[in-house]
C-alpha atoms as a PDB file:
ATOM      1  CA  MET A   1     138.975 166.930  45.385  1.00  0.00           C
ATOM      2  CA  ASN A   2     136.738 166.152  42.439  1.00  0.00           C
ATOM      3  CA  MET A   3     133.702 168.167  41.437  1.00  0.00           C
ATOM      4  CA  GLN A   4     131.205 165.520  42.569  1.00  0.00           C
ATOM      5  CA  ALA A   5     132.714 165.400  46.064  1.00  0.00           C
ATOM      6  CA  MET A   6     132.657 169.195  46.270  1.00  0.00           C
ATOM      7  CA  LEU A   7     129.003 169.236  45.218  1.00  0.00           C
ATOM      8  CA  LYS A   8     128.107 166.634  47.849  1.00  0.00           C
ATOM      9  CA  GLN A   9     129.991 168.632  50.497  1.00  0.00           C
ATOM     10  CA  ALA A  10     128.101 171.797  49.490  1.00  0.00           C
ATOM     11  CA  GLN A  11     124.775 169.949  49.706  1.00  0.00           C
ATOM     12  CA  ASN A  12     125.637 168.646  53.183  1.00  0.00           C
ATOM     13  CA  LEU A  13     126.629 172.146  54.264  1.00  0.00           C
ATOM     14  CA  GLN A  14     123.364 173.562  52.931  1.00  0.00           C
ATOM     15  CA  LYS A  15     121.391 170.874  54.779  1.00  0.00           C
ATOM     16  CA  LYS A  16     123.172 171.672  58.058  1.00  0.00           C
ATOM     17  CA  MET A  17     122.549 175.405  57.583  1.00  0.00           C
ATOM     18  CA  LEU A  18     118.837 174.844  56.997  1.00  0.00           C
ATOM     19  CA  GLU A  19     118.592 172.605  60.078  1.00  0.00           C
ATOM     20  CA  GLU A  20     120.267 175.206  62.285  1.00  0.00           C
ATOM     21  CA  GLN A  21     118.190 178.021  60.810  1.00  0.00           C
ATOM     22  CA  LYS A  22     115.013 176.048  61.574  1.00  0.00           C
ATOM     23  CA  GLU A  23     116.282 175.444  65.129  1.00  0.00           C
ATOM     24  CA  ILE A  24     116.747 179.197  65.596  1.00  0.00           C
ATOM     25  CA  GLU A  25     113.313 179.965  64.142  1.00  0.00           C
ATOM     26  CA  ASN A  26     111.640 177.603  66.625  1.00  0.00           C
ATOM     27  CA  LYS A  27     113.559 178.830  69.671  1.00  0.00           C
ATOM     28  CA  GLU A  28     112.039 181.441  71.985  1.00  0.00           C
ATOM     29  CA  PHE A  29     114.037 184.509  72.988  1.00  0.00           C
ATOM     30  CA  VAL A  30     113.214 186.727  75.965  1.00  0.00           C
ATOM     31  CA  GLY A  31     113.997 190.448  75.984  1.00  0.00           C
ATOM     32  CA  LYS A  32     113.675 192.481  79.178  1.00  0.00           C
ATOM     33  CA  SER A  33     113.530 196.154  80.017  1.00  0.00           C
ATOM     34  CA  SER A  34     112.697 197.008  83.626  1.00  0.00           C
ATOM     35  CA  ILE A  35     108.980 196.143  83.984  1.00  0.00           C
ATOM     36  CA  VAL A  36     108.478 194.876  80.416  1.00  0.00           C
ATOM     37  CA  THR A  37     109.247 191.388  79.127  1.00  0.00           C
ATOM     38  CA  VAL A  38     108.903 190.451  75.447  1.00  0.00           C
ATOM     39  CA  VAL A  39     109.091 186.927  74.042  1.00  0.00           C
ATOM     40  CA  ALA A  40     109.773 186.334  70.343  1.00  0.00           C
ATOM     41  CA  LYS A  41     110.405 183.326  68.162  1.00  0.00           C
ATOM     42  CA  GLY A  42     113.598 183.114  66.155  1.00  0.00           C
ATOM     43  CA  ASN A  43     111.712 184.210  63.058  1.00  0.00           C
ATOM     44  CA  LYS A  44     111.262 187.541  64.903  1.00  0.00           C
ATOM     45  CA  GLU A  45     107.557 187.019  65.575  1.00  0.00           C
ATOM     46  CA  ILE A  46     106.593 188.575  68.915  1.00  0.00           C
ATOM     47  CA  ILE A  47     104.563 185.976  70.802  1.00  0.00           C
ATOM     48  CA  ASN A  48     104.141 187.605  74.221  1.00  0.00           C
ATOM     49  CA  VAL A  49     104.444 190.994  75.918  1.00  0.00           C
ATOM     50  CA  LYS A  50     104.223 191.100  79.723  1.00  0.00           C
ATOM     51  CA  ILE A  51     103.991 194.290  81.773  1.00  0.00           C
ATOM     52  CA  ASP A  52     104.417 194.277  85.527  1.00  0.00           C
ATOM     53  CA  SER A  53     101.311 196.382  86.210  1.00  0.00           C
ATOM     54  CA  GLU A  54     102.062 196.725  89.905  1.00  0.00           C
ATOM     55  CA  GLU A  55     104.962 198.976  89.040  1.00  0.00           C
ATOM     56  CA  ILE A  56     103.284 201.514  86.726  1.00  0.00           C
ATOM     57  CA  SER A  57     100.493 204.101  86.830  1.00  0.00           C
ATOM     58  CA  SER A  58      98.339 205.136  83.892  1.00  0.00           C
ATOM     59  CA  ASP A  59     100.197 208.438  83.387  1.00  0.00           C
ATOM     60  CA  GLU A  60     103.424 206.596  82.581  1.00  0.00           C
ATOM     61  CA  VAL A  61     102.244 205.252  79.215  1.00  0.00           C
ATOM     62  CA  GLU A  62     104.925 207.035  77.163  1.00  0.00           C
ATOM     63  CA  MET A  63     107.651 205.598  79.357  1.00  0.00           C
ATOM     64  CA  LEU A  64     106.047 202.168  79.053  1.00  0.00           C
ATOM     65  CA  GLU A  65     106.039 202.435  75.263  1.00  0.00           C
ATOM     66  CA  ASP A  66     109.761 203.219  75.332  1.00  0.00           C
ATOM     67  CA  MET A  67     110.403 200.227  77.600  1.00  0.00           C
ATOM     68  CA  ILE A  68     108.519 197.925  75.231  1.00  0.00           C
ATOM     69  CA  MET A  69     110.611 199.186  72.348  1.00  0.00           C
ATOM     70  CA  VAL A  70     113.831 198.544  74.297  1.00  0.00           C
ATOM     71  CA  ALA A  71     112.695 195.031  75.252  1.00  0.00           C
ATOM     72  CA  VAL A  72     111.697 194.153  71.677  1.00  0.00           C
ATOM     73  CA  ASN A  73     114.988 195.430  70.310  1.00  0.00           C
ATOM     74  CA  ASP A  74     116.876 193.439  72.969  1.00  0.00           C
ATOM     75  CA  CYS A  75     115.023 190.309  71.906  1.00  0.00           C
ATOM     76  CA  LEU A  76     115.709 190.890  68.206  1.00  0.00           C
ATOM     77  CA  LYS A  77     119.418 191.498  68.887  1.00  0.00           C
ATOM     78  CA  GLN A  78     119.578 188.128  70.662  1.00  0.00           C
ATOM     79  CA  ILE A  79     118.047 186.452  67.612  1.00  0.00           C
ATOM     80  CA  ASP A  80     120.523 188.167  65.278  1.00  0.00           C
ATOM     81  CA  LYS A  81     123.429 187.193  67.546  1.00  0.00           C
ATOM     82  CA  GLU A  82     122.431 183.526  67.655  1.00  0.00           C
ATOM     83  CA  THR A  83     121.814 183.485  63.915  1.00  0.00           C
ATOM     84  CA  GLN A  84     125.309 184.879  63.344  1.00  0.00           C
ATOM     85  CA  GLU A  85     126.869 182.430  65.810  1.00  0.00           C
ATOM     86  CA  LYS A  86     125.171 179.376  64.317  1.00  0.00           C
ATOM     87  CA  LEU A  87     125.048 180.262  60.635  1.00  0.00           C
ATOM     88  CA  GLY A  88     127.987 182.643  60.322  1.00  0.00           C
ATOM     89  CA  LYS A  89     130.407 179.731  60.197  1.00  0.00           C
ATOM     90  CA  TYR A  90     128.767 178.659  56.945  1.00  0.00           C
ATOM     91  CA  THR A  91     128.802 182.065  55.324  1.00  0.00           C
ATOM     92  CA  LYS A  92     132.325 183.327  56.075  1.00  0.00           C
ATOM     93  CA  GLY A  93     133.514 185.235  53.053  1.00  0.00           C
ATOM     94  CA  MET A  94     130.019 185.498  51.565  1.00  0.00           C
ATOM     95  CA  PRO A  95     128.909 189.105  52.047  1.00  0.00           C
ATOM     96  CA  GLY A  96     125.242 189.805  52.652  1.00  0.00           C
ATOM     97  CA  LEU A  97     124.332 186.431  54.145  1.00  0.00           C
ATOM     98  CA  PHE A  98     123.166 186.497  57.778  1.00  0.00           C
END
């Protein structure tokens, strides 16, 4: 394979990676923890937090804070997993990428 063909192949690969990364960034992920639901975009921006207020009293705030943390972390793990699934195929053997 000549150098020009390899360069074109690398450019096509880069274009596909950027398209898939943009797709992930625009997708919404939902993390849940008991009475808390968190929605984040693929760029890890939290866009919604929902608490089922029928299930909690005011003296359970500390527990609620822990549940929010669990839900957010669940959401972020989903984003990392999808990023690895979609972009990992492009970065095999390249440490530190995705």
